[in-house]
């Protein structure tokens, strides 16, 4: 039975709409898609509360009003943190999806559809001339890790671990591809805000949305959670790592202990740690990113905010 918590606080949000997720064991990962999801492995989580929806612009505005928080995207980078960066790059900015006007190879440079836009931030999701007027119930975006952790601290909450997040996203189902079953469409209907058509230049808008959608616009999963798949990627509390298969024993799996240091991209231009994102977004498409599944995962640098990443919070007893 679905359980909701409305949690009053004197020093934070007036209420939180949360759902109780019972603890349990499950099989984590997938063998059928991307290498970083492999291998299938047993996992177990204790019971916890999780936000029914991603944190919205309305929620985040309440936090900013109460605390005066200034997001990473609204703050010019410190030159000491980015040695060798050109001065024109050291401005307050965030990464915005900018669809090309013509067909491009989705396996080509991502700069064909991503742009660092000065003045883009949570209040201005596509650039300085945009606003969140009318988007109050959309997920907040352009939030880096420091921003979501500040919000969670103010709310007296936390971010989910990857295992907690995946367990919740599965909605009590086992052995199925999606959060709602094995068919991507259900009776011809889209179950999440994803990309239809040829990414990144042709979205047919069959689901009605080009970018984010109001939380809860699509059916909730078996636990009553909305937007666990699609709409926006969501931050977790786990540093990026991949499981290690012990070759000496055909069936044993030893999870790699995640650490901040080991999460850095090997050979990357700067040693920026990365966290695990879950859930996919409105940009996930069959021809490019089939990560609209509970098992899917993505590594993302902690200092970078984008127009397709948000978050939700958990509470543990």
C-alpha atoms as a PDB file:
ATOM      1  CA  UNK A   1       0.000   0.000   0.000  1.00  0.00           C
ATOM      2  CA  UNK A   2       1.331   3.429  -0.962  1.00  0.00           C
ATOM      3  CA  UNK A   3       2.300   5.589   2.016  1.00  0.00           C
ATOM      4  CA  UNK A   4       2.742   9.360   1.823  1.00  0.00           C
ATOM      5  CA  UNK A   5       4.515  11.650   4.241  1.00  0.00           C
ATOM      6  CA  UNK A   6       3.841  15.352   4.552  1.00  0.00           C
ATOM      7  CA  UNK A   7       6.728  16.467   6.741  1.00  0.00           C
ATOM      8  CA  UNK A   8       6.436  19.949   8.317  1.00  0.00           C
ATOM      9  CA  UNK A   9       9.623  21.840   9.192  1.00  0.00           C
ATOM     10  CA  UNK A  10      10.159  25.138  10.937  1.00  0.00           C
ATOM     11  CA  UNK A  11      13.542  25.804   9.352  1.00  0.00           C
ATOM     12  CA  UNK A  12      12.944  24.444   5.859  1.00  0.00           C
ATOM     13  CA  UNK A  13      10.201  23.665   3.359  1.00  0.00           C
ATOM     14  CA  UNK A  14       6.735  23.786   4.913  1.00  0.00           C
ATOM     15  CA  UNK A  15       5.918  20.325   3.591  1.00  0.00           C
ATOM     16  CA  UNK A  16       7.449  17.444   1.634  1.00  0.00           C
ATOM     17  CA  UNK A  17       5.330  15.026  -0.343  1.00  0.00           C
ATOM     18  CA  UNK A  18       7.196  11.749   0.059  1.00  0.00           C
ATOM     19  CA  UNK A  19       6.478   8.066  -0.505  1.00  0.00           C
ATOM     20  CA  UNK A  20       7.678   5.239   1.715  1.00  0.00           C
ATOM     21  CA  UNK A  21       9.780   2.647  -0.126  1.00  0.00           C
ATOM     22  CA  UNK A  22      10.005  -0.648   1.752  1.00  0.00           C
ATOM     23  CA  UNK A  23      13.427  -2.197   1.965  1.00  0.00           C
ATOM     24  CA  UNK A  24      14.257  -5.307   0.040  1.00  0.00           C
ATOM     25  CA  UNK A  25      16.616  -7.242  -2.168  1.00  0.00           C
ATOM     26  CA  UNK A  26      16.715  -6.904  -5.949  1.00  0.00           C
ATOM     27  CA  UNK A  27      18.875  -7.555  -8.989  1.00  0.00           C
ATOM     28  CA  UNK A  28      20.657  -4.382 -10.014  1.00  0.00           C
ATOM     29  CA  UNK A  29      21.925  -3.512 -13.476  1.00  0.00           C
ATOM     30  CA  UNK A  30      21.341  -4.933 -16.943  1.00  0.00           C
ATOM     31  CA  UNK A  31      23.213  -7.171 -19.384  1.00  0.00           C
ATOM     32  CA  UNK A  32      21.330  -5.932 -22.442  1.00  0.00           C
ATOM     33  CA  UNK A  33      22.390  -2.337 -23.053  1.00  0.00           C
ATOM     34  CA  UNK A  34      25.481  -0.341 -22.010  1.00  0.00           C
ATOM     35  CA  UNK A  35      28.717  -1.748 -20.534  1.00  0.00           C
ATOM     36  CA  UNK A  36      28.548   0.413 -17.409  1.00  0.00           C
ATOM     37  CA  UNK A  37      25.279  -1.300 -16.402  1.00  0.00           C
ATOM     38  CA  UNK A  38      26.907  -4.748 -16.310  1.00  0.00           C
ATOM     39  CA  UNK A  39      26.938  -7.224 -14.719  1.00  0.00           C
ATOM     40  CA  UNK A  40      23.646  -8.124 -13.085  1.00  0.00           C
ATOM     41  CA  UNK A  41      24.336  -8.187  -9.355  1.00  0.00           C
ATOM     42  CA  UNK A  42      22.423  -8.612  -6.109  1.00  0.00           C
ATOM     43  CA  UNK A  43      21.685  -5.489  -4.078  1.00  0.00           C
ATOM     44  CA  UNK A  44      19.771  -4.728  -0.922  1.00  0.00           C
ATOM     45  CA  UNK A  45      18.362  -1.510   0.534  1.00  0.00           C
ATOM     46  CA  UNK A  46      16.651  -0.601   3.780  1.00  0.00           C
ATOM     47  CA  UNK A  47      13.344   1.225   3.806  1.00  0.00           C
ATOM     48  CA  UNK A  48      13.396   4.978   3.097  1.00  0.00           C
ATOM     49  CA  UNK A  49      11.199   7.941   2.142  1.00  0.00           C
ATOM     50  CA  UNK A  50      11.654   9.542  -1.282  1.00  0.00           C
ATOM     51  CA  UNK A  51      10.152  12.634  -2.896  1.00  0.00           C
ATOM     52  CA  UNK A  52       7.165  11.719  -5.019  1.00  0.00           C
ATOM     53  CA  UNK A  53       8.430  14.016  -7.791  1.00  0.00           C
ATOM     54  CA  UNK A  54      11.651  15.777  -8.721  1.00  0.00           C
ATOM     55  CA  UNK A  55      12.263  19.082  -6.935  1.00  0.00           C
ATOM     56  CA  UNK A  56      10.429  21.760  -8.905  1.00  0.00           C
ATOM     57  CA  UNK A  57      11.218  25.365  -9.735  1.00  0.00           C
ATOM     58  CA  UNK A  58       8.611  26.331  -7.141  1.00  0.00           C
ATOM     59  CA  UNK A  59      10.363  24.224  -4.483  1.00  0.00           C
ATOM     60  CA  UNK A  60      13.799  25.568  -5.369  1.00  0.00           C
ATOM     61  CA  UNK A  61      12.583  29.180  -5.374  1.00  0.00           C
ATOM     62  CA  UNK A  62      11.351  28.690  -1.802  1.00  0.00           C
ATOM     63  CA  UNK A  63      14.813  27.422  -0.826  1.00  0.00           C
ATOM     64  CA  UNK A  64      16.589  30.352  -2.505  1.00  0.00           C
ATOM     65  CA  UNK A  65      14.234  32.856  -0.894  1.00  0.00           C
ATOM     66  CA  UNK A  66      14.868  31.346   2.540  1.00  0.00           C
ATOM     67  CA  UNK A  67      18.647  31.008   2.259  1.00  0.00           C
ATOM     68  CA  UNK A  68      19.865  33.441  -0.397  1.00  0.00           C
ATOM     69  CA  UNK A  69      21.667  30.561  -2.086  1.00  0.00           C
ATOM     70  CA  UNK A  70      23.489  31.428  -5.297  1.00  0.00           C
ATOM     71  CA  UNK A  71      23.921  28.507  -7.653  1.00  0.00           C
ATOM     72  CA  UNK A  72      27.105  27.417  -9.354  1.00  0.00           C
ATOM     73  CA  UNK A  73      25.674  28.527 -12.711  1.00  0.00           C
ATOM     74  CA  UNK A  74      25.117  32.038 -11.318  1.00  0.00           C
ATOM     75  CA  UNK A  75      28.690  32.324 -10.035  1.00  0.00           C
ATOM     76  CA  UNK A  76      31.720  33.081 -12.257  1.00  0.00           C
ATOM     77  CA  UNK A  77      34.298  30.270 -11.987  1.00  0.00           C
ATOM     78  CA  UNK A  78      37.429  30.820  -9.929  1.00  0.00           C
ATOM     79  CA  UNK A  79      40.404  30.983 -12.356  1.00  0.00           C
ATOM     80  CA  UNK A  80      42.482  28.970  -9.872  1.00  0.00           C
ATOM     81  CA  UNK A  81      40.122  26.015 -10.319  1.00  0.00           C
ATOM     82  CA  UNK A  82      40.480  26.061 -14.117  1.00  0.00           C
ATOM     83  CA  UNK A  83      44.120  26.729 -14.968  1.00  0.00           C
ATOM     84  CA  UNK A  84      44.652  27.780 -18.557  1.00  0.00           C
ATOM     85  CA  UNK A  85      41.005  28.666 -19.171  1.00  0.00           C
ATOM     86  CA  UNK A  86      40.399  31.596 -21.489  1.00  0.00           C
ATOM     87  CA  UNK A  87      39.090  34.702 -19.669  1.00  0.00           C
ATOM     88  CA  UNK A  88      35.934  34.741 -21.800  1.00  0.00           C
ATOM     89  CA  UNK A  89      35.119  31.268 -20.461  1.00  0.00           C
ATOM     90  CA  UNK A  90      35.277  32.356 -16.823  1.00  0.00           C
ATOM     91  CA  UNK A  91      31.780  33.820 -16.718  1.00  0.00           C
ATOM     92  CA  UNK A  92      28.587  32.696 -15.028  1.00  0.00           C
ATOM     93  CA  UNK A  93      27.067  30.169 -17.446  1.00  0.00           C
ATOM     94  CA  UNK A  94      25.477  26.768 -17.789  1.00  0.00           C
ATOM     95  CA  UNK A  95      25.106  24.101 -20.462  1.00  0.00           C
ATOM     96  CA  UNK A  96      21.955  24.288 -22.610  1.00  0.00           C
ATOM     97  CA  UNK A  97      20.619  21.830 -25.159  1.00  0.00           C
ATOM     98  CA  UNK A  98      20.518  23.701 -28.469  1.00  0.00           C
ATOM     99  CA  UNK A  99      19.101  21.494 -31.243  1.00  0.00           C
ATOM    100  CA  UNK A 100      20.814  21.855 -34.614  1.00  0.00           C
ATOM    101  CA  UNK A 101      18.676  23.024 -37.508  1.00  0.00           C
ATOM    102  CA  UNK A 102      19.911  20.283 -39.838  1.00  0.00           C
ATOM    103  CA  UNK A 103      20.629  16.556 -39.586  1.00  0.00           C
ATOM    104  CA  UNK A 104      23.870  15.741 -37.796  1.00  0.00           C
ATOM    105  CA  UNK A 105      25.582  12.519 -36.809  1.00  0.00           C
ATOM    106  CA  UNK A 106      24.562  11.692 -33.213  1.00  0.00           C
ATOM    107  CA  UNK A 107      27.919   9.969 -32.811  1.00  0.00           C
ATOM    108  CA  UNK A 108      29.711  13.232 -33.612  1.00  0.00           C
ATOM    109  CA  UNK A 109      30.875  15.946 -31.202  1.00  0.00           C
ATOM    110  CA  UNK A 110      28.267  16.802 -28.568  1.00  0.00           C
ATOM    111  CA  UNK A 111      29.069  20.476 -29.137  1.00  0.00           C
ATOM    112  CA  UNK A 112      26.737  20.143 -32.123  1.00  0.00           C
ATOM    113  CA  UNK A 113      23.803  20.242 -29.684  1.00  0.00           C
ATOM    114  CA  UNK A 114      25.225  21.454 -26.355  1.00  0.00           C
ATOM    115  CA  UNK A 115      26.337  25.032 -25.732  1.00  0.00           C
ATOM    116  CA  UNK A 116      27.774  26.780 -22.684  1.00  0.00           C
ATOM    117  CA  UNK A 117      25.402  29.749 -22.469  1.00  0.00           C
ATOM    118  CA  UNK A 118      26.325  32.800 -20.342  1.00  0.00           C
ATOM    119  CA  UNK A 119      23.352  33.833 -18.249  1.00  0.00           C
ATOM    120  CA  UNK A 120      21.679  30.421 -18.338  1.00  0.00           C
ATOM    121  CA  UNK A 121      20.706  29.268 -14.849  1.00  0.00           C
ATOM    122  CA  UNK A 122      17.768  27.814 -12.945  1.00  0.00           C
ATOM    123  CA  UNK A 123      15.765  31.024 -13.358  1.00  0.00           C
ATOM    124  CA  UNK A 124      16.712  31.310 -17.048  1.00  0.00           C
ATOM    125  CA  UNK A 125      16.711  27.731 -18.367  1.00  0.00           C
ATOM    126  CA  UNK A 126      17.559  28.434 -22.018  1.00  0.00           C
ATOM    127  CA  UNK A 127      19.493  31.689 -21.592  1.00  0.00           C
ATOM    128  CA  UNK A 128      19.269  35.185 -20.110  1.00  0.00           C
ATOM    129  CA  UNK A 129      16.147  36.119 -22.103  1.00  0.00           C
ATOM    130  CA  UNK A 130      14.190  33.102 -20.841  1.00  0.00           C
ATOM    131  CA  UNK A 131      12.384  32.663 -17.520  1.00  0.00           C
ATOM    132  CA  UNK A 132      10.566  30.046 -15.437  1.00  0.00           C
ATOM    133  CA  UNK A 133       7.272  31.914 -15.592  1.00  0.00           C
ATOM    134  CA  UNK A 134       4.720  29.221 -16.336  1.00  0.00           C
ATOM    135  CA  UNK A 135       7.309  26.521 -15.497  1.00  0.00           C
ATOM    136  CA  UNK A 136       6.843  26.595 -11.723  1.00  0.00           C
ATOM    137  CA  UNK A 137       5.857  22.915 -11.629  1.00  0.00           C
ATOM    138  CA  UNK A 138       8.625  21.762 -13.967  1.00  0.00           C
ATOM    139  CA  UNK A 139      11.761  20.168 -12.464  1.00  0.00           C
ATOM    140  CA  UNK A 140      14.423  22.672 -11.503  1.00  0.00           C
ATOM    141  CA  UNK A 141      17.465  22.377 -13.804  1.00  0.00           C
ATOM    142  CA  UNK A 142      20.912  23.974 -14.042  1.00  0.00           C
ATOM    143  CA  UNK A 143      21.809  22.677 -10.576  1.00  0.00           C
ATOM    144  CA  UNK A 144      25.320  21.394  -9.892  1.00  0.00           C
ATOM    145  CA  UNK A 145      26.104  19.022  -7.034  1.00  0.00           C
ATOM    146  CA  UNK A 146      26.845  21.852  -4.588  1.00  0.00           C
ATOM    147  CA  UNK A 147      23.395  23.284  -5.245  1.00  0.00           C
ATOM    148  CA  UNK A 148      21.477  20.053  -4.692  1.00  0.00           C
ATOM    149  CA  UNK A 149      23.443  19.279  -1.555  1.00  0.00           C
ATOM    150  CA  UNK A 150      22.710  22.750  -0.195  1.00  0.00           C
ATOM    151  CA  UNK A 151      19.008  22.254  -0.879  1.00  0.00           C
ATOM    152  CA  UNK A 152      19.029  18.809   0.742  1.00  0.00           C
ATOM    153  CA  UNK A 153      20.751  20.150   3.858  1.00  0.00           C
ATOM    154  CA  UNK A 154      18.173  22.942   4.142  1.00  0.00           C
ATOM    155  CA  UNK A 155      15.379  20.380   3.713  1.00  0.00           C
ATOM    156  CA  UNK A 156      16.849  18.056   6.340  1.00  0.00           C
ATOM    157  CA  UNK A 157      17.109  15.373   3.685  1.00  0.00           C
ATOM    158  CA  UNK A 158      19.694  13.644   1.481  1.00  0.00           C
ATOM    159  CA  UNK A 159      20.234  12.291  -2.014  1.00  0.00           C
ATOM    160  CA  UNK A 160      19.454   8.657  -2.751  1.00  0.00           C
ATOM    161  CA  UNK A 161      22.230   6.165  -3.251  1.00  0.00           C
ATOM    162  CA  UNK A 162      22.286   4.604  -6.695  1.00  0.00           C
ATOM    163  CA  UNK A 163      20.883   1.356  -5.298  1.00  0.00           C
ATOM    164  CA  UNK A 164      18.069   3.166  -3.450  1.00  0.00           C
ATOM    165  CA  UNK A 165      17.231   5.152  -6.566  1.00  0.00           C
ATOM    166  CA  UNK A 166      17.151   2.104  -8.848  1.00  0.00           C
ATOM    167  CA  UNK A 167      15.090   0.074  -6.381  1.00  0.00           C
ATOM    168  CA  UNK A 168      12.549   2.906  -6.128  1.00  0.00           C
ATOM    169  CA  UNK A 169      12.455   3.398  -9.908  1.00  0.00           C
ATOM    170  CA  UNK A 170      11.606  -0.243 -10.507  1.00  0.00           C
ATOM    171  CA  UNK A 171       8.359   0.288  -8.618  1.00  0.00           C
ATOM    172  CA  UNK A 172       8.230  -3.236  -7.227  1.00  0.00           C
ATOM    173  CA  UNK A 173       8.650  -4.908 -10.625  1.00  0.00           C
ATOM    174  CA  UNK A 174      11.344  -7.500 -11.259  1.00  0.00           C
ATOM    175  CA  UNK A 175      12.939  -8.721 -14.462  1.00  0.00           C
ATOM    176  CA  UNK A 176      11.414  -6.064 -16.709  1.00  0.00           C
ATOM    177  CA  UNK A 177      13.034  -3.516 -18.996  1.00  0.00           C
ATOM    178  CA  UNK A 178      11.251  -0.330 -17.975  1.00  0.00           C
ATOM    179  CA  UNK A 179       9.761   1.097 -14.793  1.00  0.00           C
ATOM    180  CA  UNK A 180       6.315   0.059 -16.055  1.00  0.00           C
ATOM    181  CA  UNK A 181       6.973  -3.271 -17.811  1.00  0.00           C
ATOM    182  CA  UNK A 182       8.619  -4.659 -20.938  1.00  0.00           C
ATOM    183  CA  UNK A 183       6.919  -2.515 -23.595  1.00  0.00           C
ATOM    184  CA  UNK A 184       8.151   1.016 -24.151  1.00  0.00           C
ATOM    185  CA  UNK A 185       4.654   2.157 -25.144  1.00  0.00           C
ATOM    186  CA  UNK A 186       1.590   1.004 -23.229  1.00  0.00           C
ATOM    187  CA  UNK A 187      -1.517   0.815 -25.416  1.00  0.00           C
ATOM    188  CA  UNK A 188       0.211   3.283 -27.740  1.00  0.00           C
ATOM    189  CA  UNK A 189       0.813   5.828 -24.965  1.00  0.00           C
ATOM    190  CA  UNK A 190       4.156   7.251 -23.862  1.00  0.00           C
ATOM    191  CA  UNK A 191       4.942   6.550 -20.212  1.00  0.00           C
ATOM    192  CA  UNK A 192       7.700   9.133 -19.775  1.00  0.00           C
ATOM    193  CA  UNK A 193       9.014  12.382 -21.243  1.00  0.00           C
ATOM    194  CA  UNK A 194      11.648  11.210 -23.733  1.00  0.00           C
ATOM    195  CA  UNK A 195      12.718  12.094 -27.277  1.00  0.00           C
ATOM    196  CA  UNK A 196      10.731  10.846 -30.279  1.00  0.00           C
ATOM    197  CA  UNK A 197      12.347  11.012 -33.675  1.00  0.00           C
ATOM    198  CA  UNK A 198      15.954  11.361 -34.804  1.00  0.00           C
ATOM    199  CA  UNK A 199      18.072  12.888 -32.044  1.00  0.00           C
ATOM    200  CA  UNK A 200      19.337  15.621 -31.861  1.00  0.00           C
ATOM    201  CA  UNK A 201      17.635  17.537 -34.651  1.00  0.00           C
ATOM    202  CA  UNK A 202      14.115  16.125 -35.175  1.00  0.00           C
ATOM    203  CA  UNK A 203      11.734  15.631 -32.263  1.00  0.00           C
ATOM    204  CA  UNK A 204       8.252  14.636 -33.429  1.00  0.00           C
ATOM    205  CA  UNK A 205       6.813  15.635 -30.033  1.00  0.00           C
ATOM    206  CA  UNK A 206       4.557  12.602 -29.827  1.00  0.00           C
ATOM    207  CA  UNK A 207       4.595  12.919 -26.037  1.00  0.00           C
ATOM    208  CA  UNK A 208       3.814  16.637 -26.238  1.00  0.00           C
ATOM    209  CA  UNK A 209       7.069  18.042 -24.845  1.00  0.00           C
ATOM    210  CA  UNK A 210      10.266  19.388 -26.391  1.00  0.00           C
ATOM    211  CA  UNK A 211      12.022  20.075 -23.099  1.00  0.00           C
ATOM    212  CA  UNK A 212      10.929  19.442 -19.506  1.00  0.00           C
ATOM    213  CA  UNK A 213       7.325  18.749 -18.548  1.00  0.00           C
ATOM    214  CA  UNK A 214       5.368  19.500 -15.348  1.00  0.00           C
ATOM    215  CA  UNK A 215       6.128  16.821 -12.765  1.00  0.00           C
ATOM    216  CA  UNK A 216       3.490  14.124 -12.711  1.00  0.00           C
ATOM    217  CA  UNK A 217       2.470  14.590 -16.358  1.00  0.00           C
ATOM    218  CA  UNK A 218       3.057  10.890 -17.011  1.00  0.00           C
ATOM    219  CA  UNK A 219       1.827   7.820 -15.088  1.00  0.00           C
ATOM    220  CA  UNK A 220       3.487   7.088 -11.757  1.00  0.00           C
ATOM    221  CA  UNK A 221       5.290   3.788 -11.217  1.00  0.00           C
ATOM    222  CA  UNK A 222       4.175   0.993  -8.913  1.00  0.00           C
ATOM    223  CA  UNK A 223       5.364   2.866  -5.832  1.00  0.00           C
ATOM    224  CA  UNK A 224       3.461   5.999  -6.829  1.00  0.00           C
ATOM    225  CA  UNK A 225       6.599   7.884  -7.882  1.00  0.00           C
ATOM    226  CA  UNK A 226       6.428  10.308 -10.805  1.00  0.00           C
ATOM    227  CA  UNK A 227       9.132  11.013 -13.388  1.00  0.00           C
ATOM    228  CA  UNK A 228      11.614   8.422 -12.188  1.00  0.00           C
ATOM    229  CA  UNK A 229      12.214   7.850 -15.896  1.00  0.00           C
ATOM    230  CA  UNK A 230      12.665  10.695 -18.390  1.00  0.00           C
ATOM    231  CA  UNK A 231      12.049  14.414 -17.917  1.00  0.00           C
ATOM    232  CA  UNK A 232      15.374  15.095 -16.138  1.00  0.00           C
ATOM    233  CA  UNK A 233      18.366  13.055 -15.061  1.00  0.00           C
ATOM    234  CA  UNK A 234      18.689  12.953 -11.272  1.00  0.00           C
ATOM    235  CA  UNK A 235      21.764  13.302  -9.064  1.00  0.00           C
ATOM    236  CA  UNK A 236      22.574  10.506  -6.594  1.00  0.00           C
ATOM    237  CA  UNK A 237      24.942  10.368  -3.640  1.00  0.00           C
ATOM    238  CA  UNK A 238      27.262   7.781  -5.239  1.00  0.00           C
ATOM    239  CA  UNK A 239      30.589   8.578  -6.833  1.00  0.00           C
ATOM    240  CA  UNK A 240      30.903   7.118 -10.307  1.00  0.00           C
ATOM    241  CA  UNK A 241      32.349   3.614 -10.489  1.00  0.00           C
ATOM    242  CA  UNK A 242      31.746   0.408 -12.395  1.00  0.00           C
ATOM    243  CA  UNK A 243      31.358  -3.086 -10.941  1.00  0.00           C
ATOM    244  CA  UNK A 244      34.343  -5.420 -11.237  1.00  0.00           C
ATOM    245  CA  UNK A 245      33.900  -9.028 -12.351  1.00  0.00           C
ATOM    246  CA  UNK A 246      36.348 -11.431 -10.713  1.00  0.00           C
ATOM    247  CA  UNK A 247      37.631 -13.498 -13.631  1.00  0.00           C
ATOM    248  CA  UNK A 248      38.957 -16.248 -11.350  1.00  0.00           C
ATOM    249  CA  UNK A 249      35.403 -17.189 -10.406  1.00  0.00           C
ATOM    250  CA  UNK A 250      32.884 -17.263 -13.227  1.00  0.00           C
ATOM    251  CA  UNK A 251      29.948 -15.961 -11.261  1.00  0.00           C
ATOM    252  CA  UNK A 252      31.317 -13.663  -8.546  1.00  0.00           C
ATOM    253  CA  UNK A 253      30.982  -9.921  -8.674  1.00  0.00           C
ATOM    254  CA  UNK A 254      32.914  -7.566  -6.449  1.00  0.00           C
ATOM    255  CA  UNK A 255      31.455  -4.041  -6.393  1.00  0.00           C
ATOM    256  CA  UNK A 256      34.121  -1.378  -6.624  1.00  0.00           C
ATOM    257  CA  UNK A 257      34.041   0.893  -3.591  1.00  0.00           C
ATOM    258  CA  UNK A 258      33.119   4.311  -5.002  1.00  0.00           C
ATOM    259  CA  UNK A 259      35.472   7.152  -4.113  1.00  0.00           C
ATOM    260  CA  UNK A 260      35.750  10.792  -5.090  1.00  0.00           C
ATOM    261  CA  UNK A 261      39.273  10.328  -6.412  1.00  0.00           C
ATOM    262  CA  UNK A 262      38.511   7.268  -8.529  1.00  0.00           C
ATOM    263  CA  UNK A 263      35.426   8.899 -10.051  1.00  0.00           C
ATOM    264  CA  UNK A 264      37.564  11.290 -12.115  1.00  0.00           C
ATOM    265  CA  UNK A 265      37.492  10.612 -15.852  1.00  0.00           C
ATOM    266  CA  UNK A 266      40.761   8.935 -16.875  1.00  0.00           C
ATOM    267  CA  UNK A 267      42.675  11.205 -19.222  1.00  0.00           C
ATOM    268  CA  UNK A 268      40.187  14.041 -18.801  1.00  0.00           C
ATOM    269  CA  UNK A 269      41.375  17.629 -19.217  1.00  0.00           C
ATOM    270  CA  UNK A 270      40.752  18.427 -15.518  1.00  0.00           C
ATOM    271  CA  UNK A 271      40.489  16.117 -12.488  1.00  0.00           C
ATOM    272  CA  UNK A 272      36.802  16.837 -11.828  1.00  0.00           C
ATOM    273  CA  UNK A 273      35.058  14.147  -9.730  1.00  0.00           C
ATOM    274  CA  UNK A 274      31.871  12.627 -11.133  1.00  0.00           C
ATOM    275  CA  UNK A 275      28.647  11.401  -9.564  1.00  0.00           C
ATOM    276  CA  UNK A 276      26.145   8.826 -10.818  1.00  0.00           C
ATOM    277  CA  UNK A 277      23.040  10.202 -12.522  1.00  0.00           C
ATOM    278  CA  UNK A 278      19.943   8.041 -12.938  1.00  0.00           C
ATOM    279  CA  UNK A 279      16.709   7.985 -14.889  1.00  0.00           C
ATOM    280  CA  UNK A 280      17.451   9.448 -18.295  1.00  0.00           C
ATOM    281  CA  UNK A 281      15.865  12.663 -19.534  1.00  0.00           C
ATOM    282  CA  UNK A 282      13.687  14.224 -22.209  1.00  0.00           C
ATOM    283  CA  UNK A 283      16.718  13.936 -24.517  1.00  0.00           C
ATOM    284  CA  UNK A 284      16.993  10.140 -24.367  1.00  0.00           C
ATOM    285  CA  UNK A 285      16.188   8.666 -27.773  1.00  0.00           C
ATOM    286  CA  UNK A 286      16.254   5.193 -29.353  1.00  0.00           C
ATOM    287  CA  UNK A 287      18.921   6.262 -31.880  1.00  0.00           C
ATOM    288  CA  UNK A 288      21.207   7.849 -29.299  1.00  0.00           C
ATOM    289  CA  UNK A 289      20.609   7.243 -25.580  1.00  0.00           C
ATOM    290  CA  UNK A 290      18.412   4.342 -24.507  1.00  0.00           C
ATOM    291  CA  UNK A 291      18.817   5.288 -20.884  1.00  0.00           C
ATOM    292  CA  UNK A 292      15.114   5.636 -20.095  1.00  0.00           C
ATOM    293  CA  UNK A 293      15.355   2.561 -17.846  1.00  0.00           C
ATOM    294  CA  UNK A 294      15.904   1.978 -14.105  1.00  0.00           C
ATOM    295  CA  UNK A 295      19.209   0.164 -14.712  1.00  0.00           C
ATOM    296  CA  UNK A 296      20.677   2.974 -16.821  1.00  0.00           C
ATOM    297  CA  UNK A 297      23.361   5.201 -15.323  1.00  0.00           C
ATOM    298  CA  UNK A 298      25.545   8.083 -16.390  1.00  0.00           C
ATOM    299  CA  UNK A 299      28.692   9.761 -15.068  1.00  0.00           C
ATOM    300  CA  UNK A 300      28.529  13.529 -14.644  1.00  0.00           C
ATOM    301  CA  UNK A 301      31.100  16.061 -13.352  1.00  0.00           C
ATOM    302  CA  UNK A 302      30.060  17.658 -10.078  1.00  0.00           C
ATOM    303  CA  UNK A 303      30.838  21.229 -11.183  1.00  0.00           C
ATOM    304  CA  UNK A 304      28.639  21.173 -14.290  1.00  0.00           C
ATOM    305  CA  UNK A 305      24.969  22.106 -14.500  1.00  0.00           C
ATOM    306  CA  UNK A 306      22.798  21.532 -17.551  1.00  0.00           C
ATOM    307  CA  UNK A 307      19.278  22.065 -18.855  1.00  0.00           C
ATOM    308  CA  UNK A 308      18.372  18.380 -18.431  1.00  0.00           C
ATOM    309  CA  UNK A 309      19.599  17.478 -14.917  1.00  0.00           C
ATOM    310  CA  UNK A 310      17.581  17.834 -11.709  1.00  0.00           C
ATOM    311  CA  UNK A 311      17.154  15.885  -8.455  1.00  0.00           C
ATOM    312  CA  UNK A 312      14.880  14.632  -5.694  1.00  0.00           C
ATOM    313  CA  UNK A 313      15.513  13.949  -1.999  1.00  0.00           C
ATOM    314  CA  UNK A 314      15.225  11.021   0.400  1.00  0.00           C
ATOM    315  CA  UNK A 315      14.809  10.627   4.150  1.00  0.00           C
ATOM    316  CA  UNK A 316      16.054   7.579   6.048  1.00  0.00           C
ATOM    317  CA  UNK A 317      14.584   6.437   9.386  1.00  0.00           C
END
